[in-house]
Amino acid sequence: MSPLADEDPQEYPKGTLALGASDVTQLVAEVPGWRVENNGLVRDFEFKAFDDAFSFLTRVALLAETKSHHPDIWNSWNKVSLRFWTHT
């Protein structure tokens, strides 16, 4: 696992400049399965059945709440898509 994948999300002060495209490209390479899309970090997951997908979605929601870092979450039967982005 990459060092980036081991990091916790952190809040930066309002007005902090976003990373440049080359920095984003370099960092996203450290987290396999994730991609940059519409200025967000996106990953799709597929499960055997709806209950597996919804269980995963619920665990993500609870973890996101503890980190105060809430993704957009999309669910369709056995599929879940997560999208994170910065608010700064």
C-alpha atoms as a PDB file:
ATOM      1  CA  MET A   1       0.000   0.000   0.000  1.00  0.00           C
ATOM      2  CA  SER A   2       1.258   3.471  -0.813  1.00  0.00           C
ATOM      3  CA  PRO A   3       2.083   6.118   1.815  1.00  0.00           C
ATOM      4  CA  LEU A   4      -0.714   8.304   0.396  1.00  0.00           C
ATOM      5  CA  ALA A   5      -3.265   5.539   1.007  1.00  0.00           C
ATOM      6  CA  ASP A   6      -2.219   5.454   4.678  1.00  0.00           C
ATOM      7  CA  GLU A   7      -2.887   9.149   5.265  1.00  0.00           C
ATOM      8  CA  ASP A   8      -5.980  10.555   6.957  1.00  0.00           C
ATOM      9  CA  PRO A   9      -7.910  13.361   5.274  1.00  0.00           C
ATOM     10  CA  GLN A  10      -7.174  16.783   6.664  1.00  0.00           C
ATOM     11  CA  GLU A  11      -8.837  20.123   6.383  1.00  0.00           C
ATOM     12  CA  TYR A  12      -6.804  22.925   4.890  1.00  0.00           C
ATOM     13  CA  PRO A  13      -7.457  26.598   5.638  1.00  0.00           C
ATOM     14  CA  LYS A  14      -9.986  28.333   3.407  1.00  0.00           C
ATOM     15  CA  GLY A  15      -8.247  29.798   0.375  1.00  0.00           C
ATOM     16  CA  THR A  16      -5.567  27.093   0.168  1.00  0.00           C
ATOM     17  CA  LEU A  17      -4.645  26.659  -3.482  1.00  0.00           C
ATOM     18  CA  ALA A  18      -5.565  23.388  -5.153  1.00  0.00           C
ATOM     19  CA  LEU A  19      -2.812  21.054  -6.344  1.00  0.00           C
ATOM     20  CA  GLY A  20      -1.603  21.493  -9.893  1.00  0.00           C
ATOM     21  CA  ALA A  21      -2.488  18.924 -12.557  1.00  0.00           C
ATOM     22  CA  SER A  22       0.964  17.310 -12.502  1.00  0.00           C
ATOM     23  CA  ASP A  23       0.808  16.880  -8.701  1.00  0.00           C
ATOM     24  CA  VAL A  24      -2.657  15.338  -8.960  1.00  0.00           C
ATOM     25  CA  THR A  25      -1.501  12.934 -11.691  1.00  0.00           C
ATOM     26  CA  GLN A  26       1.459  11.860  -9.580  1.00  0.00           C
ATOM     27  CA  LEU A  27      -0.598  11.332  -6.416  1.00  0.00           C
ATOM     28  CA  VAL A  28      -3.518   9.493  -8.041  1.00  0.00           C
ATOM     29  CA  ALA A  29      -1.017   6.938  -9.363  1.00  0.00           C
ATOM     30  CA  GLU A  30      -0.362   6.019  -5.703  1.00  0.00           C
ATOM     31  CA  VAL A  31      -3.967   4.916  -5.089  1.00  0.00           C
ATOM     32  CA  PRO A  32      -4.847   2.122  -7.541  1.00  0.00           C
ATOM     33  CA  GLY A  33      -8.438   2.015  -8.722  1.00  0.00           C
ATOM     34  CA  TRP A  34      -9.062   5.727  -8.181  1.00  0.00           C
ATOM     35  CA  ARG A  35      -9.266   8.286 -10.986  1.00  0.00           C
ATOM     36  CA  VAL A  36      -9.639  12.037 -11.329  1.00  0.00           C
ATOM     37  CA  GLU A  37     -12.943  13.110 -12.857  1.00  0.00           C
ATOM     38  CA  ASN A  38     -14.515  16.598 -12.844  1.00  0.00           C
ATOM     39  CA  ASN A  39     -12.009  17.848 -10.248  1.00  0.00           C
ATOM     40  CA  GLY A  40     -12.833  14.992  -7.885  1.00  0.00           C
ATOM     41  CA  LEU A  41     -11.303  11.697  -6.868  1.00  0.00           C
ATOM     42  CA  VAL A  42     -13.610   8.874  -8.021  1.00  0.00           C
ATOM     43  CA  ARG A  43     -13.748   5.119  -7.584  1.00  0.00           C
ATOM     44  CA  ASP A  44     -16.364   2.565  -8.614  1.00  0.00           C
ATOM     45  CA  PHE A  45     -17.008  -0.651  -6.705  1.00  0.00           C
ATOM     46  CA  GLU A  46     -19.049  -3.694  -7.749  1.00  0.00           C
ATOM     47  CA  PHE A  47     -20.421  -6.325  -5.360  1.00  0.00           C
ATOM     48  CA  LYS A  48     -22.238  -9.661  -5.649  1.00  0.00           C
ATOM     49  CA  ALA A  49     -25.593  -8.273  -4.503  1.00  0.00           C
ATOM     50  CA  PHE A  50     -27.440  -5.203  -3.285  1.00  0.00           C
ATOM     51  CA  ASP A  51     -27.010  -6.012   0.412  1.00  0.00           C
ATOM     52  CA  ASP A  52     -23.213  -6.257  -0.014  1.00  0.00           C
ATOM     53  CA  ALA A  53     -23.123  -2.907  -1.799  1.00  0.00           C
ATOM     54  CA  PHE A  54     -25.370  -1.259   0.781  1.00  0.00           C
ATOM     55  CA  SER A  55     -23.323  -2.672   3.668  1.00  0.00           C
ATOM     56  CA  PHE A  56     -20.159  -1.199   2.125  1.00  0.00           C
ATOM     57  CA  LEU A  57     -21.923   2.115   1.510  1.00  0.00           C
ATOM     58  CA  THR A  58     -23.032   2.246   5.156  1.00  0.00           C
ATOM     59  CA  ARG A  59     -19.498   1.563   6.437  1.00  0.00           C
ATOM     60  CA  VAL A  60     -18.138   4.315   4.169  1.00  0.00           C
ATOM     61  CA  ALA A  61     -20.789   6.736   5.445  1.00  0.00           C
ATOM     62  CA  LEU A  62     -19.967   6.008   9.091  1.00  0.00           C
ATOM     63  CA  LEU A  63     -16.214   6.335   8.501  1.00  0.00           C
ATOM     64  CA  ALA A  64     -16.689   9.549   6.509  1.00  0.00           C
ATOM     65  CA  GLU A  65     -18.671  11.015   9.398  1.00  0.00           C
ATOM     66  CA  THR A  66     -15.851  10.280  11.876  1.00  0.00           C
ATOM     67  CA  LYS A  67     -13.379  12.033   9.535  1.00  0.00           C
ATOM     68  CA  SER A  68     -15.791  14.900   8.719  1.00  0.00           C
ATOM     69  CA  HIS A  69     -15.029  14.268   5.050  1.00  0.00           C
ATOM     70  CA  HIS A  70     -18.183  13.376   3.160  1.00  0.00           C
ATOM     71  CA  PRO A  71     -18.091  11.960  -0.380  1.00  0.00           C
ATOM     72  CA  ASP A  72     -20.817  11.941  -2.953  1.00  0.00           C
ATOM     73  CA  ILE A  73     -22.138   8.377  -2.870  1.00  0.00           C
ATOM     74  CA  TRP A  74     -24.039   6.736  -5.710  1.00  0.00           C
ATOM     75  CA  ASN A  75     -25.632   3.294  -5.472  1.00  0.00           C
ATOM     76  CA  SER A  76     -27.403   1.175  -8.070  1.00  0.00           C
ATOM     77  CA  TRP A  77     -28.172  -2.387  -6.979  1.00  0.00           C
ATOM     78  CA  ASN A  78     -24.698  -3.994  -6.688  1.00  0.00           C
ATOM     79  CA  LYS A  79     -22.651  -0.922  -7.656  1.00  0.00           C
ATOM     80  CA  VAL A  80     -21.310   1.928  -5.527  1.00  0.00           C
ATOM     81  CA  SER A  81     -19.426   4.974  -6.749  1.00  0.00           C
ATOM     82  CA  LEU A  82     -17.617   7.384  -4.425  1.00  0.00           C
ATOM     83  CA  ARG A  83     -16.479  10.905  -5.301  1.00  0.00           C
ATOM     84  CA  PHE A  84     -14.336  13.071  -3.045  1.00  0.00           C
ATOM     85  CA  TRP A  85     -13.317  16.655  -3.776  1.00  0.00           C
ATOM     86  CA  THR A  86     -11.919  19.646  -1.938  1.00  0.00           C
ATOM     87  CA  HIS A  87     -13.984  22.527  -0.630  1.00  0.00           C
ATOM     88  CA  THR A  88     -11.082  24.971  -0.340  1.00  0.00           C
END
